[in-house]
N, C-alpha and C. Protein backbone atom coordinates (compact mmCIF):
# COMPACT_ATOMS: atom_id res chain seq x y z
N MET A 1 0.89 -1.25 -0.04
CA MET A 1 -0.13 0.04 0.18
C MET A 1 0.68 1.14 0.16
N ILE A 2 0.43 2.23 -0.74
CA ILE A 2 1.16 3.47 -0.74
C ILE A 2 0.93 4.19 0.58
N LYS A 3 2.11 4.83 0.92
CA LYS A 3 1.70 5.78 2.17
C LYS A 3 1.65 7.32 1.70
N LEU A 4 0.30 7.65 1.97
CA LEU A 4 -0.33 9.03 1.88
C LEU A 4 1.00 10.06 2.36
N GLU A 5 1.21 11.17 1.71
CA GLU A 5 2.17 12.09 2.39
C GLU A 5 1.55 13.65 1.85
N LEU A 6 1.58 14.30 2.88
CA LEU A 6 1.10 15.67 2.59
C LEU A 6 2.14 16.68 2.41
N PRO A 7 1.93 17.66 1.62
CA PRO A 7 3.28 18.76 1.21
C PRO A 7 3.33 19.62 2.77
N PHE A 8 4.60 19.80 2.76
CA PHE A 8 4.84 20.64 4.21
C PHE A 8 3.91 21.72 4.43
N TRP A 9 3.56 22.54 3.58
CA TRP A 9 2.29 23.48 3.81
C TRP A 9 0.99 23.29 4.43
N LEU A 10 1.10 21.88 4.01
CA LEU A 10 -0.78 21.66 4.74
C LEU A 10 -0.38 20.68 6.18
N ASP A 11 0.95 20.92 6.82
CA ASP A 11 1.05 20.62 8.03
C ASP A 11 0.18 21.21 9.30
N GLY A 12 -0.96 20.66 9.54
CA GLY A 12 -1.96 20.97 10.59
C GLY A 12 -2.81 19.78 11.04
N ALA A 13 -3.51 20.29 11.82
CA ALA A 13 -4.25 19.17 12.81
C ALA A 13 -5.39 18.66 11.66
N GLU A 14 -6.11 19.55 11.26
CA GLU A 14 -7.29 18.86 10.35
C GLU A 14 -6.96 18.19 8.81
N PRO A 15 -5.86 18.59 8.36
CA PRO A 15 -5.29 17.99 7.02
C PRO A 15 -4.74 16.41 7.61
N THR A 16 -4.06 16.42 8.89
CA THR A 16 -3.66 15.28 9.14
C THR A 16 -4.56 14.34 9.54
N LYS A 17 -5.82 14.64 10.05
CA LYS A 17 -6.98 13.80 10.33
C LYS A 17 -7.44 13.12 9.13
N LEU A 18 -7.76 14.52 7.78
CA LEU A 18 -8.08 14.04 6.83
C LEU A 18 -7.17 12.92 6.04
N LYS A 19 -5.82 13.42 6.22
CA LYS A 19 -4.94 12.37 5.61
C LYS A 19 -5.00 10.75 6.27
N ALA A 20 -5.19 10.92 7.48
CA ALA A 20 -5.26 9.63 8.32
C ALA A 20 -6.67 8.87 7.78
N ALA A 21 -7.81 9.65 7.70
CA ALA A 21 -8.87 8.72 7.27
C ALA A 21 -8.80 8.32 5.85
N ALA A 22 -8.23 8.98 5.00
CA ALA A 22 -8.01 8.54 3.49
C ALA A 22 -7.03 7.54 3.35
N GLN A 23 -6.12 7.38 4.09
CA GLN A 23 -4.83 6.33 4.25
C GLN A 23 -5.98 5.01 4.76
N ARG A 24 -6.60 5.33 5.81
CA ARG A 24 -7.56 3.88 6.35
C ARG A 24 -8.54 3.36 5.05
N TRP A 25 -9.10 4.54 4.63
CA TRP A 25 -10.23 4.01 3.70
C TRP A 25 -9.27 3.27 2.38
N TRP A 26 -8.25 3.56 1.82
CA TRP A 26 -7.49 3.27 0.56
C TRP A 26 -6.94 1.73 1.11
N GLU A 27 -6.46 1.78 2.40
CA GLU A 27 -6.43 0.44 2.60
C GLU A 27 -7.41 -0.71 3.04
N GLN A 28 -8.59 -0.08 3.09
CA GLN A 28 -9.40 -0.87 3.10
C GLN A 28 -10.00 -1.56 1.87
N ALA A 29 -10.02 -0.35 0.74
CA ALA A 29 -10.21 -0.58 -0.70
C ALA A 29 -9.38 -1.73 -1.20
N GLU A 30 -7.96 -1.38 -0.74
CA GLU A 30 -6.98 -2.59 -1.33
C GLU A 30 -7.71 -3.87 -0.59
N SER A 31 -7.77 -4.01 0.49
CA SER A 31 -8.13 -5.25 0.96
C SER A 31 -9.09 -5.71 0.59
N TRP A 32 -10.27 -5.10 -0.25
CA TRP A 32 -11.25 -5.64 -0.93
C TRP A 32 -10.99 -6.14 -2.17
N MET A 33 -10.18 -5.38 -2.96
CA MET A 33 -9.34 -5.75 -4.09
C MET A 33 -8.71 -7.12 -3.99
N ARG A 34 -7.89 -7.52 -2.89
CA ARG A 34 -7.29 -8.43 -2.87
C ARG A 34 -7.97 -9.59 -2.49
N TRP A 35 -9.12 -9.67 -1.72
CA TRP A 35 -10.05 -10.59 -1.52
C TRP A 35 -10.02 -11.84 -2.23
N PRO A 36 -10.65 -11.36 -3.55
CA PRO A 36 -10.42 -12.54 -4.71
C PRO A 36 -9.41 -13.06 -5.18
N LEU A 37 -8.32 -12.54 -4.92
CA LEU A 37 -6.77 -13.16 -5.37
C LEU A 37 -6.65 -14.18 -3.92
N LEU A 38 -6.92 -13.74 -3.02
CA LEU A 38 -6.76 -14.81 -1.74
C LEU A 38 -7.46 -15.99 -1.89
N GLN A 39 -8.79 -15.76 -2.24
CA GLN A 39 -9.66 -16.52 -2.29
C GLN A 39 -8.86 -18.00 -3.29
N MET A 40 -7.84 -17.69 -4.20
CA MET A 40 -7.83 -18.62 -4.98
C MET A 40 -6.69 -19.64 -4.70
N ASP A 41 -5.97 -19.25 -2.94
CA ASP A 41 -5.16 -20.10 -2.47
C ASP A 41 -5.68 -20.84 -1.56
N ALA A 42 -5.52 -22.51 -1.66
CA ALA A 42 -6.40 -23.52 -1.16
C ALA A 42 -6.17 -23.49 0.30
N GLU A 43 -5.14 -22.93 0.70
CA GLU A 43 -4.45 -23.16 2.23
C GLU A 43 -5.19 -21.99 3.14
N THR A 44 -5.66 -20.97 2.47
CA THR A 44 -6.18 -19.76 3.39
C THR A 44 -7.59 -19.50 2.92
N CYS A 45 -8.29 -20.20 1.71
CA CYS A 45 -9.62 -19.53 1.29
C CYS A 45 -10.54 -20.14 2.13
N HIS A 46 -11.75 -19.53 2.13
CA HIS A 46 -13.06 -19.98 2.65
C HIS A 46 -13.27 -21.17 2.26
N LEU A 47 -13.92 -22.11 3.15
CA LEU A 47 -14.56 -23.46 2.96
C LEU A 47 -15.35 -23.57 1.85
N THR A 48 -16.31 -22.78 1.82
CA THR A 48 -17.05 -22.75 0.65
C THR A 48 -16.37 -22.66 -0.56
N VAL A 49 -15.32 -21.54 -0.81
CA VAL A 49 -14.77 -21.49 -2.01
C VAL A 49 -13.42 -22.68 -2.37
N LEU A 50 -13.19 -23.40 -1.05
CA LEU A 50 -12.46 -24.60 -1.43
C LEU A 50 -13.50 -25.50 -1.73
N ASP A 51 -14.50 -25.69 -1.43
CA ASP A 51 -15.35 -26.58 -2.15
C ASP A 51 -15.35 -26.73 -3.58
N LEU A 52 -15.63 -25.10 -4.11
CA LEU A 52 -15.78 -25.12 -5.50
C LEU A 52 -14.52 -25.13 -6.32
N LEU A 53 -13.17 -24.98 -5.77
CA LEU A 53 -11.84 -25.29 -6.11
C LEU A 53 -11.63 -27.06 -6.29
N ALA A 54 -12.21 -27.57 -5.04
CA ALA A 54 -12.14 -29.06 -5.42
C ALA A 54 -13.06 -29.59 -6.56
N TRP A 55 -14.01 -29.09 -6.72
CA TRP A 55 -15.03 -29.63 -7.66
C TRP A 55 -14.04 -29.42 -8.94
N GLN A 56 -13.85 -28.05 -9.26
CA GLN A 56 -12.67 -27.65 -10.42
C GLN A 56 -11.69 -28.65 -10.54
N ARG A 57 -11.03 -29.29 -9.56
CA ARG A 57 -9.94 -29.90 -9.58
C ARG A 57 -10.25 -31.45 -9.39
N ASP A 58 -11.43 -31.98 -9.43
CA ASP A 58 -11.83 -33.16 -9.29
C ASP A 58 -11.44 -33.90 -7.86
N ILE A 59 -11.67 -33.11 -6.97
CA ILE A 59 -11.60 -33.76 -5.31
C ILE A 59 -12.24 -33.91 -4.86
N THR A 60 -12.98 -35.01 -4.04
CA THR A 60 -14.18 -35.07 -3.62
C THR A 60 -13.75 -35.15 -2.07
N ARG A 61 -14.23 -34.64 -1.01
CA ARG A 61 -14.12 -34.94 0.44
C ARG A 61 -14.66 -35.86 0.92
N PHE A 62 -13.76 -37.24 1.45
CA PHE A 62 -14.58 -38.35 1.92
C PHE A 62 -14.75 -37.82 3.42
N LYS A 63 -15.85 -38.81 3.91
CA LYS A 63 -16.37 -38.72 5.35
C LYS A 63 -15.11 -38.90 6.28
N GLY A 64 -15.16 -37.90 7.25
CA GLY A 64 -14.19 -37.90 8.14
C GLY A 64 -12.91 -37.22 7.93
N GLU A 65 -12.66 -36.46 6.63
CA GLU A 65 -11.60 -36.13 6.31
C GLU A 65 -11.28 -34.76 7.03
N PRO A 66 -9.86 -34.75 7.71
CA PRO A 66 -9.77 -33.48 8.36
C PRO A 66 -9.55 -31.97 7.30
N GLU A 67 -9.97 -30.93 7.70
CA GLU A 67 -9.71 -29.84 6.75
C GLU A 67 -8.45 -29.90 6.15
N ALA A 68 -7.49 -29.83 7.05
CA ALA A 68 -5.92 -29.65 6.91
C ALA A 68 -5.38 -30.78 5.59
N LEU A 69 -5.96 -31.68 5.86
CA LEU A 69 -5.51 -32.92 4.63
C LEU A 69 -6.48 -32.46 3.52
N TYR A 70 -7.74 -32.11 3.29
CA TYR A 70 -8.60 -31.70 2.38
C TYR A 70 -7.85 -30.36 1.58
N ARG A 71 -7.27 -29.66 2.46
CA ARG A 71 -6.91 -28.35 1.98
C ARG A 71 -5.37 -28.95 1.00
N LEU A 72 -4.66 -29.78 1.57
CA LEU A 72 -3.49 -30.33 0.92
C LEU A 72 -4.01 -31.11 -0.48
N ARG A 73 -4.99 -31.77 -0.26
CA ARG A 73 -5.43 -32.40 -1.48
C ARG A 73 -5.72 -31.69 -2.63
N VAL A 74 -6.41 -30.71 -2.27
CA VAL A 74 -6.83 -29.62 -3.26
C VAL A 74 -5.75 -28.76 -3.80
N LYS A 75 -4.96 -28.31 -2.99
CA LYS A 75 -3.61 -27.43 -3.29
C LYS A 75 -2.84 -28.51 -4.42
N TYR A 76 -2.58 -29.69 -3.96
CA TYR A 76 -1.48 -30.39 -4.97
C TYR A 76 -2.42 -31.19 -6.03
N ALA A 77 -3.62 -30.76 -6.46
CA ALA A 77 -4.36 -31.55 -7.46
C ALA A 77 -3.97 -32.00 -8.86
N PHE A 78 -3.15 -30.68 -9.08
CA PHE A 78 -2.95 -30.67 -10.47
C PHE A 78 -1.30 -31.26 -10.33
N ILE A 79 -0.75 -31.09 -9.51
CA ILE A 79 0.75 -32.08 -9.35
C ILE A 79 0.44 -33.40 -9.31
N ASN A 80 -0.29 -33.71 -8.55
CA ASN A 80 -0.82 -34.92 -8.22
C ASN A 80 -1.55 -35.84 -9.27
N ALA A 81 -1.83 -35.27 -10.23
CA ALA A 81 -2.70 -35.90 -11.54
C ALA A 81 -1.19 -35.90 -12.41
N VAL A 82 -0.49 -35.20 -12.55
CA VAL A 82 0.81 -35.27 -13.10
C VAL A 82 1.61 -36.43 -13.02
N ASP A 83 1.79 -36.48 -11.56
CA ASP A 83 2.67 -37.54 -11.28
C ASP A 83 1.80 -39.12 -10.97
N ALA A 84 0.46 -39.08 -11.36
CA ALA A 84 -0.25 -40.26 -11.33
C ALA A 84 0.46 -41.21 -12.16
N GLY A 85 0.26 -42.63 -12.06
CA GLY A 85 0.52 -43.41 -13.20
C GLY A 85 1.81 -44.02 -13.16
N SER A 86 2.96 -43.36 -12.29
CA SER A 86 4.02 -44.01 -12.33
C SER A 86 4.55 -44.19 -10.66
N THR A 87 5.27 -45.23 -10.64
CA THR A 87 6.16 -45.49 -9.17
C THR A 87 6.41 -44.32 -8.52
N ALA A 88 7.25 -43.76 -9.04
CA ALA A 88 7.85 -42.52 -8.36
C ALA A 88 6.85 -41.42 -8.18
N GLY A 89 6.09 -41.47 -9.08
CA GLY A 89 5.02 -40.42 -9.10
C GLY A 89 3.90 -40.63 -7.68
N MET A 90 3.61 -41.98 -7.68
CA MET A 90 2.83 -42.56 -6.25
C MET A 90 3.79 -42.07 -5.24
N LYS A 91 4.72 -42.31 -5.15
CA LYS A 91 5.75 -41.97 -3.96
C LYS A 91 5.48 -40.63 -3.44
N ARG A 92 5.49 -39.71 -4.57
CA ARG A 92 5.81 -38.25 -4.31
C ARG A 92 4.54 -37.71 -4.12
N ILE A 93 3.53 -38.49 -4.29
CA ILE A 93 2.25 -38.12 -3.98
C ILE A 93 1.95 -38.37 -2.65
N LEU A 94 2.25 -39.32 -2.09
CA LEU A 94 1.93 -39.82 -0.80
C LEU A 94 2.66 -39.10 0.39
N GLN A 95 3.73 -38.73 -0.23
CA GLN A 95 4.90 -37.90 0.52
C GLN A 95 4.24 -36.32 0.81
N ARG A 96 3.76 -36.04 -0.40
CA ARG A 96 3.12 -34.75 -0.33
C ARG A 96 1.95 -34.53 0.70
N LEU A 97 1.27 -35.62 0.76
CA LEU A 97 0.04 -35.74 1.53
C LEU A 97 0.17 -36.01 2.82
N GLY A 98 1.43 -36.18 3.52
CA GLY A 98 1.96 -36.73 4.67
C GLY A 98 1.74 -38.17 5.12
N VAL A 99 1.77 -38.84 3.99
CA VAL A 99 1.65 -40.60 4.58
C VAL A 99 3.07 -40.86 4.69
N GLY A 100 3.99 -40.49 4.06
CA GLY A 100 5.39 -40.69 4.31
C GLY A 100 5.98 -41.69 3.56
N TYR A 101 6.97 -42.55 4.22
CA TYR A 101 7.86 -43.48 3.10
C TYR A 101 6.99 -44.80 2.93
N ILE A 102 7.02 -45.19 1.45
CA ILE A 102 6.39 -46.41 1.25
C ILE A 102 7.30 -47.12 0.10
N GLU A 103 7.07 -48.44 -0.02
CA GLU A 103 7.95 -49.09 -0.94
C GLU A 103 6.58 -49.67 -1.80
N ILE A 104 6.95 -49.80 -3.27
CA ILE A 104 5.97 -50.09 -4.10
C ILE A 104 6.86 -51.21 -5.16
N ASP A 105 6.13 -52.33 -5.11
CA ASP A 105 7.00 -53.34 -6.13
C ASP A 105 5.75 -53.97 -7.04
N GLU A 106 6.23 -53.69 -8.27
CA GLU A 106 5.47 -54.36 -9.43
C GLU A 106 5.93 -55.72 -9.84
N ARG A 107 4.88 -56.49 -10.57
CA ARG A 107 5.01 -57.54 -11.44
C ARG A 107 6.17 -58.44 -10.38
N MET A 108 5.56 -58.92 -9.27
CA MET A 108 6.56 -60.00 -8.18
C MET A 108 6.60 -61.17 -8.91
N PRO A 109 7.69 -62.04 -8.76
CA PRO A 109 7.50 -63.38 -9.34
C PRO A 109 6.77 -64.13 -8.20
N GLY A 110 5.85 -65.02 -9.12
CA GLY A 110 4.68 -65.99 -8.14
C GLY A 110 3.44 -65.07 -8.09
N LEU A 111 3.24 -63.95 -8.34
CA LEU A 111 1.99 -63.12 -8.32
C LEU A 111 1.31 -62.83 -9.87
N ASP A 112 0.44 -62.55 -9.76
CA ASP A 112 -0.22 -62.16 -11.27
C ASP A 112 0.60 -60.84 -11.84
N TRP A 113 0.54 -60.43 -12.88
CA TRP A 113 1.53 -59.51 -13.49
C TRP A 113 0.92 -58.16 -12.90
N ASP A 114 -0.60 -58.08 -12.79
CA ASP A 114 -1.34 -56.98 -12.43
C ASP A 114 -1.43 -56.64 -11.22
N VAL A 115 -0.82 -57.23 -10.26
CA VAL A 115 -1.03 -57.01 -8.73
C VAL A 115 0.54 -56.03 -8.31
N VAL A 116 0.29 -55.12 -7.66
CA VAL A 116 1.17 -53.92 -7.44
C VAL A 116 1.17 -54.06 -5.77
N LEU A 117 2.19 -54.26 -5.13
CA LEU A 117 2.35 -54.48 -3.67
C LEU A 117 2.87 -52.89 -3.10
N LEU A 118 1.97 -52.66 -2.08
CA LEU A 118 2.32 -51.36 -1.11
C LEU A 118 2.52 -51.54 0.19
N ARG A 119 3.81 -51.32 0.20
CA ARG A 119 4.25 -51.61 1.52
C ARG A 119 4.35 -50.35 2.78
N PHE A 120 3.34 -50.24 3.60
CA PHE A 120 3.60 -49.25 4.33
C PHE A 120 3.88 -49.70 6.04
N THR A 121 4.15 -48.70 7.08
CA THR A 121 4.24 -49.26 8.32
C THR A 121 2.81 -49.27 8.96
N ASP A 122 2.66 -49.80 10.11
CA ASP A 122 1.49 -50.31 10.78
C ASP A 122 0.72 -48.87 11.11
N SER A 123 1.65 -48.00 11.39
CA SER A 123 1.14 -46.74 11.90
C SER A 123 0.26 -46.09 10.61
N GLN A 124 1.07 -45.93 9.31
CA GLN A 124 0.55 -45.60 8.47
C GLN A 124 -0.67 -45.89 8.00
N LEU A 125 -0.73 -47.39 7.89
CA LEU A 125 -2.16 -47.92 7.67
C LEU A 125 -3.06 -47.70 8.35
N SER A 126 -2.79 -47.72 9.65
CA SER A 126 -3.72 -47.40 10.66
C SER A 126 -4.34 -46.14 10.70
N GLN A 127 -3.53 -45.20 10.30
CA GLN A 127 -3.79 -43.64 10.42
C GLN A 127 -4.57 -43.15 9.20
N ASN A 128 -4.14 -43.82 7.89
CA ASN A 128 -4.67 -43.08 6.66
C ASN A 128 -5.41 -44.15 5.93
N PRO A 129 -6.36 -44.96 6.41
CA PRO A 129 -6.84 -46.10 5.65
C PRO A 129 -7.75 -45.38 4.74
N GLU A 130 -8.59 -44.73 4.70
CA GLU A 130 -9.51 -44.31 3.75
C GLU A 130 -8.80 -43.34 2.81
N LEU A 131 -7.93 -42.48 3.39
CA LEU A 131 -7.30 -41.76 2.49
C LEU A 131 -6.36 -42.57 1.14
N LEU A 132 -5.68 -43.54 2.09
CA LEU A 132 -5.07 -44.60 0.72
C LEU A 132 -5.85 -45.03 -0.06
N ARG A 133 -7.22 -45.69 0.46
CA ARG A 133 -8.06 -46.01 -0.52
C ARG A 133 -8.71 -44.73 -1.74
N VAL A 134 -8.71 -43.85 -1.28
CA VAL A 134 -9.17 -42.75 -2.19
C VAL A 134 -8.17 -42.25 -3.12
N LEU A 135 -6.79 -42.41 -2.61
CA LEU A 135 -5.63 -42.06 -3.53
C LEU A 135 -5.51 -43.26 -4.71
N ILE A 136 -5.49 -44.45 -4.16
CA ILE A 136 -5.34 -45.54 -4.98
C ILE A 136 -6.39 -45.50 -6.16
N GLN A 137 -7.55 -45.05 -5.52
CA GLN A 137 -8.92 -45.25 -6.93
C GLN A 137 -8.68 -43.80 -7.61
N GLN A 138 -8.06 -42.86 -7.22
CA GLN A 138 -7.96 -41.81 -7.99
C GLN A 138 -6.54 -41.64 -9.01
N TYR A 139 -5.78 -42.02 -8.25
CA TYR A 139 -4.20 -41.73 -8.86
C TYR A 139 -3.65 -43.19 -9.48
N GLY A 140 -4.34 -44.15 -8.94
CA GLY A 140 -3.46 -45.47 -9.09
C GLY A 140 -3.52 -45.84 -10.53
N ARG A 141 -3.15 -46.77 -11.22
CA ARG A 141 -3.03 -47.43 -12.54
C ARG A 141 -4.02 -48.06 -12.95
N THR A 142 -4.75 -47.94 -13.93
CA THR A 142 -5.75 -48.40 -14.58
C THR A 142 -5.60 -50.01 -14.84
N CYS A 143 -6.17 -50.92 -14.42
CA CYS A 143 -6.16 -52.36 -14.69
C CYS A 143 -5.15 -53.02 -13.77
N ARG A 144 -4.64 -52.38 -12.43
CA ARG A 144 -3.89 -52.91 -11.68
C ARG A 144 -4.60 -52.95 -10.32
N ARG A 145 -4.27 -54.29 -9.74
CA ARG A 145 -4.77 -54.67 -8.41
C ARG A 145 -3.87 -54.41 -7.28
N TYR A 146 -4.04 -53.36 -6.31
CA TYR A 146 -3.35 -52.95 -5.40
C TYR A 146 -3.67 -53.84 -4.03
N GLU A 147 -2.32 -54.32 -3.42
CA GLU A 147 -2.33 -54.87 -2.00
C GLU A 147 -1.59 -53.96 -1.29
N PHE A 148 -1.91 -54.04 0.04
CA PHE A 148 -1.28 -53.37 0.96
C PHE A 148 -0.73 -54.48 2.00
N LEU A 149 0.77 -54.10 1.98
CA LEU A 149 1.66 -54.99 3.13
C LEU A 149 2.10 -54.03 4.05
N THR A 150 2.32 -54.83 5.53
CA THR A 150 2.66 -53.98 6.37
C THR A 150 4.07 -54.07 6.78
N LEU A 151 5.03 -53.00 7.08
CA LEU A 151 6.10 -53.46 7.30
C LEU A 151 6.22 -53.09 9.02
N THR A 152 6.55 -54.21 9.56
CA THR A 152 6.78 -53.74 10.91
C THR A 152 8.38 -53.76 11.47
N PRO A 153 9.13 -52.74 12.00
CA PRO A 153 10.35 -52.79 11.93
C PRO A 153 10.59 -53.43 13.40
N VAL A 154 11.68 -54.41 13.42
CA VAL A 154 12.06 -55.07 14.69
C VAL A 154 13.31 -54.83 15.33
N PRO A 155 13.46 -54.48 16.29
CA PRO A 155 15.23 -54.21 16.86
C PRO A 155 15.90 -55.31 16.57
N LEU A 156 17.31 -55.27 16.01
CA LEU A 156 17.96 -56.48 16.11
C LEU A 156 19.39 -56.14 16.51
N ARG A 157 19.82 -56.92 17.62
CA ARG A 157 21.27 -56.79 17.98
C ARG A 157 21.83 -58.03 17.45
N ILE A 158 23.04 -57.72 16.90
CA ILE A 158 24.30 -58.52 16.53
C ILE A 158 25.63 -58.16 17.31
N ALA A 159 25.96 -59.39 17.75
CA ALA A 159 27.23 -59.15 18.47
C ALA A 159 28.37 -59.93 18.02
N ALA A 160 29.63 -59.52 17.79
CA ALA A 160 30.54 -59.97 17.28
C ALA A 160 31.50 -60.59 18.32
N VAL A 161 31.64 -62.05 18.52
CA VAL A 161 32.45 -62.76 19.49
C VAL A 161 33.39 -63.47 18.93
N ASN A 162 34.24 -63.64 19.66
CA ASN A 162 35.49 -64.74 19.35
C ASN A 162 34.88 -66.06 19.65
N PHE A 163 34.95 -67.07 18.87
CA PHE A 163 34.52 -68.59 19.00
C PHE A 163 35.53 -69.26 18.40
N ASP A 164 36.31 -69.92 19.65
CA ASP A 164 37.18 -71.07 19.24
C ASP A 164 36.51 -72.13 19.42
N ASP A 165 36.81 -73.14 18.36
CA ASP A 165 36.05 -74.49 18.11
C ASP A 165 37.15 -75.20 18.35
N ASP A 166 37.13 -75.86 19.65
CA ASP A 166 38.06 -77.03 20.05
C ASP A 166 37.52 -78.37 19.48
N GLN A 167 38.03 -79.47 19.31
CA GLN A 167 37.20 -80.66 18.81
C GLN A 167 38.26 -81.66 19.44
N GLN A 168 37.61 -82.56 20.31
CA GLN A 168 38.26 -83.64 20.82
C GLN A 168 37.34 -84.80 20.23
N THR A 169 38.33 -86.11 19.75
CA THR A 169 37.64 -87.46 19.59
C THR A 169 38.06 -88.36 20.62
N LEU A 170 37.03 -89.05 21.08
CA LEU A 170 37.35 -89.90 22.28
C LEU A 170 36.79 -91.30 21.98
N VAL A 171 37.57 -92.26 22.27
CA VAL A 171 37.11 -93.56 21.57
C VAL A 171 37.12 -94.32 22.79
N ALA A 172 36.20 -95.06 23.28
CA ALA A 172 35.93 -96.08 24.10
C ALA A 172 36.08 -97.40 23.50
N SER A 173 36.37 -98.49 24.05
CA SER A 173 36.26 -99.77 23.70
C SER A 173 35.95 -100.69 24.85
N LEU A 174 35.29 -101.80 24.59
CA LEU A 174 35.23 -102.73 25.59
C LEU A 174 36.37 -103.80 25.56
């Protein structure tokens, strides 16, 4: 916003009040003009406008979806649509939406060619079951079956010790 300045010869009480009132009015007018632009940002817009943006970007809010996740899905809808269909793209989609690390395996020996294995941790799978279903439905490859597998980290300790193997053969006879 521009800062209104009066010439030095208008330095007085009444012109200063008039300048302050004009400054406030123009700041308000500027905020009115910026409001439509602010509504195009999915992170800060009103929820009703967010629903319109979601409709435009082919995003449907699922039951029980938190508003923050809904805003992220709407914000990244175009980028996710570009990334859809590839293994690396699916990993990036899940990273953007806060699911985290995932392993994707395709065409595994012993399984049908159209089965895609998605490996998550227990916490990822339990915290985001509906989100994962929606993402696979919207961004997964056509004609593929997706199976969720869980990764369970197990702490393992290995110690290196010296092991001397002595052998004795004793023969007893009667």
